[in-house]
Amino acid sequence: MKRYVIATGTVTYAMKGRDLLRNHGFSVKIERITGDKTLGCGYVLILTENIAKAEQILKDGGVKILKITEG
């Protein structure tokens, strides 16, 4: 199963993104990461579902996305 990591940079964006995605039926969680200073405060959303749809929902909802990785 693929796992997608969406870096939002702040806990506020991560929480907003989590709520938006959950309202659209996604299973998503927030994690704090350390070590990569380019990701702001280091908060990411973790999900395993349709990344293209999730990205569009976040953009439409005003959530700033710094980076998306697959892991």
PDB file of N, CA and C in Angstrom:
ATOM      1  N   MET A   1       0.840  -1.183   0.000  1.00  0.00           N
ATOM      2  CA  MET A   1       0.000   0.000   0.000  1.00  0.00           C
ATOM      3  C   MET A   1       0.882   1.241   0.000  1.00  0.00           C
ATOM      4  N   LYS A   2       0.589   2.155  -0.894  1.00  0.00           N
ATOM      5  CA  LYS A   2       1.343   3.398  -0.945  1.00  0.00           C
ATOM      6  C   LYS A   2       0.959   4.301   0.223  1.00  0.00           C
ATOM      7  N   ARG A   3       1.937   5.055   0.655  1.00  0.00           N
ATOM      8  CA  ARG A   3       1.724   6.013   1.737  1.00  0.00           C
ATOM      9  C   ARG A   3       2.196   7.366   1.220  1.00  0.00           C
ATOM     10  N   TYR A   4       1.347   8.364   1.350  1.00  0.00           N
ATOM     11  CA  TYR A   4       1.675   9.702   0.884  1.00  0.00           C
ATOM     12  C   TYR A   4       1.867  10.625   2.074  1.00  0.00           C
ATOM     13  N   VAL A   5       2.890  11.462   1.982  1.00  0.00           N
ATOM     14  CA  VAL A   5       3.209  12.419   3.041  1.00  0.00           C
ATOM     15  C   VAL A   5       3.099  13.814   2.436  1.00  0.00           C
ATOM     16  N   ILE A   6       2.186  14.598   2.987  1.00  0.00           N
ATOM     17  CA  ILE A   6       1.965  15.962   2.510  1.00  0.00           C
ATOM     18  C   ILE A   6       2.446  16.928   3.582  1.00  0.00           C
ATOM     19  N   ALA A   7       3.519  17.651   3.278  1.00  0.00           N
ATOM     20  CA  ALA A   7       4.076  18.619   4.220  1.00  0.00           C
ATOM     21  C   ALA A   7       3.301  19.924   4.122  1.00  0.00           C
ATOM     22  N   THR A   8       2.805  20.394   5.265  1.00  0.00           N
ATOM     23  CA  THR A   8       2.041  21.635   5.299  1.00  0.00           C
ATOM     24  C   THR A   8       2.806  22.765   5.971  1.00  0.00           C
ATOM     25  N   GLY A   9       3.802  22.440   6.763  1.00  0.00           N
ATOM     26  CA  GLY A   9       4.628  23.468   7.375  1.00  0.00           C
ATOM     27  C   GLY A   9       4.177  23.907   8.756  1.00  0.00           C
ATOM     28  N   THR A  10       2.872  24.047   8.970  1.00  0.00           N
ATOM     29  CA  THR A  10       2.386  24.480  10.280  1.00  0.00           C
ATOM     30  C   THR A  10       1.315  23.520  10.776  1.00  0.00           C
ATOM     31  N   VAL A  11       1.177  23.479  12.076  1.00  0.00           N
ATOM     32  CA  VAL A  11       0.153  22.620  12.665  1.00  0.00           C
ATOM     33  C   VAL A  11      -1.244  23.120  12.296  1.00  0.00           C
ATOM     34  N   THR A  12      -1.401  24.413  12.112  1.00  0.00           N
ATOM     35  CA  THR A  12      -2.701  24.977  11.732  1.00  0.00           C
ATOM     36  C   THR A  12      -3.134  24.466  10.361  1.00  0.00           C
ATOM     37  N   TYR A  13      -2.228  24.518   9.382  1.00  0.00           N
ATOM     38  CA  TYR A  13      -2.550  23.989   8.058  1.00  0.00           C
ATOM     39  C   TYR A  13      -2.781  22.479   8.110  1.00  0.00           C
ATOM     40  N   ALA A  14      -2.000  21.785   8.914  1.00  0.00           N
ATOM     41  CA  ALA A  14      -2.159  20.334   9.030  1.00  0.00           C
ATOM     42  C   ALA A  14      -3.535  19.988   9.599  1.00  0.00           C
ATOM     43  N   MET A  15      -3.962  20.697  10.628  1.00  0.00           N
ATOM     44  CA  MET A  15      -5.270  20.436  11.229  1.00  0.00           C
ATOM     45  C   MET A  15      -6.398  20.780  10.262  1.00  0.00           C
ATOM     46  N   LYS A  16      -6.272  21.897   9.579  1.00  0.00           N
ATOM     47  CA  LYS A  16      -7.285  22.279   8.602  1.00  0.00           C
ATOM     48  C   LYS A  16      -7.347  21.255   7.475  1.00  0.00           C
ATOM     49  N   GLY A  17      -6.182  20.827   6.997  1.00  0.00           N
ATOM     50  CA  GLY A  17      -6.128  19.829   5.945  1.00  0.00           C
ATOM     51  C   GLY A  17      -6.712  18.502   6.374  1.00  0.00           C
ATOM     52  N   ARG A  18      -6.393  18.075   7.587  1.00  0.00           N
ATOM     53  CA  ARG A  18      -6.950  16.827   8.115  1.00  0.00           C
ATOM     54  C   ARG A  18      -8.469  16.888   8.140  1.00  0.00           C
ATOM     55  N   ASP A  19      -9.000  17.986   8.631  1.00  0.00           N
ATOM     56  CA  ASP A  19     -10.451  18.129   8.723  1.00  0.00           C
ATOM     57  C   ASP A  19     -11.108  18.155   7.347  1.00  0.00           C
ATOM     58  N   LEU A  20     -10.509  18.881   6.409  1.00  0.00           N
ATOM     59  CA  LEU A  20     -11.049  18.929   5.042  1.00  0.00           C
ATOM     60  C   LEU A  20     -11.081  17.537   4.419  1.00  0.00           C
ATOM     61  N   LEU A  21      -9.971  16.823   4.535  1.00  0.00           N
ATOM     62  CA  LEU A  21      -9.893  15.495   3.932  1.00  0.00           C
ATOM     63  C   LEU A  21     -10.843  14.506   4.608  1.00  0.00           C
ATOM     64  N   ARG A  22     -10.938  14.571   5.921  1.00  0.00           N
ATOM     65  CA  ARG A  22     -11.874  13.681   6.626  1.00  0.00           C
ATOM     66  C   ARG A  22     -13.314  13.962   6.209  1.00  0.00           C
ATOM     67  N   ASN A  23     -13.651  15.223   6.000  1.00  0.00           N
ATOM     68  CA  ASN A  23     -14.997  15.577   5.556  1.00  0.00           C
ATOM     69  C   ASN A  23     -15.305  15.037   4.163  1.00  0.00           C
ATOM     70  N   HIS A  24     -14.251  14.712   3.406  1.00  0.00           N
ATOM     71  CA  HIS A  24     -14.415  14.131   2.069  1.00  0.00           C
ATOM     72  C   HIS A  24     -14.191  12.618   2.085  1.00  0.00           C
ATOM     73  N   GLY A  25     -14.156  12.019   3.260  1.00  0.00           N
ATOM     74  CA  GLY A  25     -14.080  10.569   3.381  1.00  0.00           C
ATOM     75  C   GLY A  25     -12.690   9.961   3.418  1.00  0.00           C
ATOM     76  N   PHE A  26     -11.664  10.781   3.513  1.00  0.00           N
ATOM     77  CA  PHE A  26     -10.303  10.264   3.571  1.00  0.00           C
ATOM     78  C   PHE A  26      -9.948   9.839   4.998  1.00  0.00           C
ATOM     79  N   SER A  27      -9.099   8.850   5.097  1.00  0.00           N
ATOM     80  CA  SER A  27      -8.504   8.455   6.367  1.00  0.00           C
ATOM     81  C   SER A  27      -7.134   9.126   6.405  1.00  0.00           C
ATOM     82  N   VAL A  28      -6.936  10.042   7.328  1.00  0.00           N
ATOM     83  CA  VAL A  28      -5.714  10.846   7.352  1.00  0.00           C
ATOM     84  C   VAL A  28      -5.298  11.113   8.788  1.00  0.00           C
ATOM     85  N   LYS A  29      -3.982  11.212   9.004  1.00  0.00           N
ATOM     86  CA  LYS A  29      -3.491  11.569  10.335  1.00  0.00           C
ATOM     87  C   LYS A  29      -2.382  12.607  10.208  1.00  0.00           C
ATOM     88  N   ILE A  30      -2.120  13.277  11.313  1.00  0.00           N
ATOM     89  CA  ILE A  30      -1.075  14.299  11.380  1.00  0.00           C
ATOM     90  C   ILE A  30       0.110  13.720  12.140  1.00  0.00           C
ATOM     91  N   GLU A  31       1.304  14.009  11.632  1.00  0.00           N
ATOM     92  CA  GLU A  31       2.521  13.634  12.341  1.00  0.00           C
ATOM     93  C   GLU A  31       3.479  14.816  12.339  1.00  0.00           C
ATOM     94  N   ARG A  32       4.292  14.873  13.372  1.00  0.00           N
ATOM     95  CA  ARG A  32       5.344  15.880  13.428  1.00  0.00           C
ATOM     96  C   ARG A  32       6.643  15.203  13.033  1.00  0.00           C
ATOM     97  N   ILE A  33       7.353  15.824  12.119  1.00  0.00           N
ATOM     98  CA  ILE A  33       8.635  15.271  11.709  1.00  0.00           C
ATOM     99  C   ILE A  33       9.745  16.220  12.138  1.00  0.00           C
ATOM    100  N   THR A  34      10.927  15.699  12.248  1.00  0.00           N
ATOM    101  CA  THR A  34      12.070  16.523  12.637  1.00  0.00           C
ATOM    102  C   THR A  34      13.196  16.318  11.644  1.00  0.00           C
ATOM    103  N   GLY A  35      14.082  17.251  11.598  1.00  0.00           N
ATOM    104  CA  GLY A  35      15.269  17.106  10.771  1.00  0.00           C
ATOM    105  C   GLY A  35      15.246  17.883   9.479  1.00  0.00           C
ATOM    106  N   ASP A  36      14.105  18.025   8.832  1.00  0.00           N
ATOM    107  CA  ASP A  36      14.034  18.729   7.552  1.00  0.00           C
ATOM    108  C   ASP A  36      13.534  20.151   7.789  1.00  0.00           C
ATOM    109  N   LYS A  37      14.453  21.083   7.907  1.00  0.00           N
ATOM    110  CA  LYS A  37      14.108  22.474   8.225  1.00  0.00           C
ATOM    111  C   LYS A  37      13.415  23.193   7.075  1.00  0.00           C
ATOM    112  N   THR A  38      13.409  22.611   5.876  1.00  0.00           N
ATOM    113  CA  THR A  38      12.716  23.235   4.755  1.00  0.00           C
ATOM    114  C   THR A  38      11.203  23.059   4.865  1.00  0.00           C
ATOM    115  N   LEU A  39      10.757  22.249   5.805  1.00  0.00           N
ATOM    116  CA  LEU A  39       9.330  21.986   5.960  1.00  0.00           C
ATOM    117  C   LEU A  39       8.711  22.795   7.090  1.00  0.00           C
ATOM    118  N   GLY A  40       9.277  23.942   7.392  1.00  0.00           N
ATOM    119  CA  GLY A  40       8.716  24.796   8.427  1.00  0.00           C
ATOM    120  C   GLY A  40       8.765  24.118   9.783  1.00  0.00           C
ATOM    121  N   CYS A  41       7.634  24.099  10.465  1.00  0.00           N
ATOM    122  CA  CYS A  41       7.554  23.486  11.793  1.00  0.00           C
ATOM    123  C   CYS A  41       7.538  21.967  11.728  1.00  0.00           C
ATOM    124  N   GLY A  42       7.425  21.414  10.539  1.00  0.00           N
ATOM    125  CA  GLY A  42       7.546  19.979  10.374  1.00  0.00           C
ATOM    126  C   GLY A  42       6.286  19.174  10.572  1.00  0.00           C
ATOM    127  N   TYR A  43       5.131  19.716  10.223  1.00  0.00           N
ATOM    128  CA  TYR A  43       3.888  18.953  10.342  1.00  0.00           C
ATOM    129  C   TYR A  43       3.466  18.438   8.982  1.00  0.00           C
ATOM    130  N   VAL A  44       3.077  17.156   8.958  1.00  0.00           N
ATOM    131  CA  VAL A  44       2.680  16.524   7.712  1.00  0.00           C
ATOM    132  C   VAL A  44       1.367  15.781   7.891  1.00  0.00           C
ATOM    133  N   LEU A  45       0.693  15.595   6.767  1.00  0.00           N
ATOM    134  CA  LEU A  45      -0.502  14.757   6.710  1.00  0.00           C
ATOM    135  C   LEU A  45      -0.083  13.435   6.089  1.00  0.00           C
ATOM    136  N   ILE A  46      -0.565  12.349   6.652  1.00  0.00           N
ATOM    137  CA  ILE A  46      -0.260  11.023   6.140  1.00  0.00           C
ATOM    138  C   ILE A  46      -1.556  10.395   5.638  1.00  0.00           C
ATOM    139  N   LEU A  47      -1.555   9.924   4.386  1.00  0.00           N
ATOM    140  CA  LEU A  47      -2.718   9.237   3.855  1.00  0.00           C
ATOM    141  C   LEU A  47      -2.283   8.182   2.858  1.00  0.00           C
ATOM    142  N   THR A  48      -3.200   7.276   2.525  1.00  0.00           N
ATOM    143  CA  THR A  48      -2.875   6.162   1.635  1.00  0.00           C
ATOM    144  C   THR A  48      -3.802   6.117   0.428  1.00  0.00           C
ATOM    145  N   GLU A  49      -4.600   7.147   0.269  1.00  0.00           N
ATOM    146  CA  GLU A  49      -5.625   7.128  -0.778  1.00  0.00           C
ATOM    147  C   GLU A  49      -5.299   8.091  -1.910  1.00  0.00           C
ATOM    148  N   ASN A  50      -6.230   8.287  -2.780  1.00  0.00           N
ATOM    149  CA  ASN A  50      -6.169   9.104  -3.987  1.00  0.00           C
ATOM    150  C   ASN A  50      -5.474  10.457  -3.752  1.00  0.00           C
ATOM    151  N   ILE A  51      -4.173  10.508  -4.030  1.00  0.00           N
ATOM    152  CA  ILE A  51      -3.391  11.713  -3.744  1.00  0.00           C
ATOM    153  C   ILE A  51      -3.795  12.886  -4.633  1.00  0.00           C
ATOM    154  N   ALA A  52      -4.162  12.628  -5.873  1.00  0.00           N
ATOM    155  CA  ALA A  52      -4.555  13.722  -6.771  1.00  0.00           C
ATOM    156  C   ALA A  52      -5.807  14.419  -6.255  1.00  0.00           C
ATOM    157  N   LYS A  53      -6.783  13.647  -5.834  1.00  0.00           N
ATOM    158  CA  LYS A  53      -8.017  14.222  -5.298  1.00  0.00           C
ATOM    159  C   LYS A  53      -7.733  14.952  -3.986  1.00  0.00           C
ATOM    160  N   ALA A  54      -6.917  14.350  -3.125  1.00  0.00           N
ATOM    161  CA  ALA A  54      -6.585  14.977  -1.844  1.00  0.00           C
ATOM    162  C   ALA A  54      -5.877  16.310  -2.049  1.00  0.00           C
ATOM    163  N   GLU A  55      -4.938  16.342  -2.981  1.00  0.00           N
ATOM    164  CA  GLU A  55      -4.210  17.580  -3.264  1.00  0.00           C
ATOM    165  C   GLU A  55      -5.158  18.672  -3.735  1.00  0.00           C
ATOM    166  N   GLN A  56      -6.106  18.328  -4.591  1.00  0.00           N
ATOM    167  CA  GLN A  56      -7.058  19.320  -5.087  1.00  0.00           C
ATOM    168  C   GLN A  56      -7.954  19.836  -3.966  1.00  0.00           C
ATOM    169  N   ILE A  57      -8.402  18.949  -3.098  1.00  0.00           N
ATOM    170  CA  ILE A  57      -9.242  19.354  -1.961  1.00  0.00           C
ATOM    171  C   ILE A  57      -8.480  20.331  -1.071  1.00  0.00           C
ATOM    172  N   LEU A  58      -7.223  20.032  -0.797  1.00  0.00           N
ATOM    173  CA  LEU A  58      -6.416  20.908   0.055  1.00  0.00           C
ATOM    174  C   LEU A  58      -6.195  22.268  -0.604  1.00  0.00           C
ATOM    175  N   LYS A  59      -5.882  22.279  -1.881  1.00  0.00           N
ATOM    176  CA  LYS A  59      -5.672  23.550  -2.588  1.00  0.00           C
ATOM    177  C   LYS A  59      -6.948  24.372  -2.612  1.00  0.00           C
ATOM    178  N   ASP A  60      -8.071  23.720  -2.910  1.00  0.00           N
ATOM    179  CA  ASP A  60      -9.356  24.426  -2.933  1.00  0.00           C
ATOM    180  C   ASP A  60      -9.721  24.972  -1.556  1.00  0.00           C
ATOM    181  N   GLY A  61      -9.265  24.292  -0.512  1.00  0.00           N
ATOM    182  CA  GLY A  61      -9.565  24.703   0.855  1.00  0.00           C
ATOM    183  C   GLY A  61      -8.581  25.711   1.421  1.00  0.00           C
ATOM    184  N   GLY A  62      -7.571  26.096   0.630  1.00  0.00           N
ATOM    185  CA  GLY A  62      -6.620  27.112   1.081  1.00  0.00           C
ATOM    186  C   GLY A  62      -5.496  26.584   1.956  1.00  0.00           C
ATOM    187  N   VAL A  63      -5.245  25.287   1.914  1.00  0.00           N
ATOM    188  CA  VAL A  63      -4.158  24.705   2.702  1.00  0.00           C
ATOM    189  C   VAL A  63      -2.871  24.781   1.890  1.00  0.00           C
ATOM    190  N   LYS A  64      -1.845  25.390   2.473  1.00  0.00           N
ATOM    191  CA  LYS A  64      -0.563  25.528   1.814  1.00  0.00           C
ATOM    192  C   LYS A  64       0.186  24.200   1.854  1.00  0.00           C
ATOM    193  N   ILE A  65       0.560  23.706   0.674  1.00  0.00           N
ATOM    194  CA  ILE A  65       1.295  22.451   0.567  1.00  0.00           C
ATOM    195  C   ILE A  65       2.749  22.776   0.214  1.00  0.00           C
ATOM    196  N   LEU A  66       3.676  22.330   1.050  1.00  0.00           N
ATOM    197  CA  LEU A  66       5.094  22.577   0.784  1.00  0.00           C
ATOM    198  C   LEU A  66       5.721  21.483  -0.071  1.00  0.00           C
ATOM    199  N   LYS A  67       5.286  20.236   0.164  1.00  0.00           N
ATOM    200  CA  LYS A  67       5.927  19.112  -0.516  1.00  0.00           C
ATOM    201  C   LYS A  67       5.051  17.880  -0.375  1.00  0.00           C
ATOM    202  N   ILE A  68       5.021  17.047  -1.406  1.00  0.00           N
ATOM    203  CA  ILE A  68       4.324  15.769  -1.346  1.00  0.00           C
ATOM    204  C   ILE A  68       5.327  14.684  -1.712  1.00  0.00           C
ATOM    205  N   THR A  69       5.433  13.683  -0.849  1.00  0.00           N
ATOM    206  CA  THR A  69       6.332  12.564  -1.124  1.00  0.00           C
ATOM    207  C   THR A  69       5.582  11.259  -0.971  1.00  0.00           C
ATOM    208  N   GLU A  70       6.117  10.249  -1.609  1.00  0.00           N
ATOM    209  CA  GLU A  70       5.545   8.910  -1.515  1.00  0.00           C
ATOM    210  C   GLU A  70       6.534   8.047  -0.763  1.00  0.00           C
ATOM    211  N   GLY A  71       6.043   7.346   0.230  1.00  0.00           N
ATOM    212  CA  GLY A  71       6.978   6.551   1.009  1.00  0.00           C
ATOM    213  C   GLY A  71       6.437   5.299   1.552  1.00  0.00           C
TER     214      GLY A  71
END
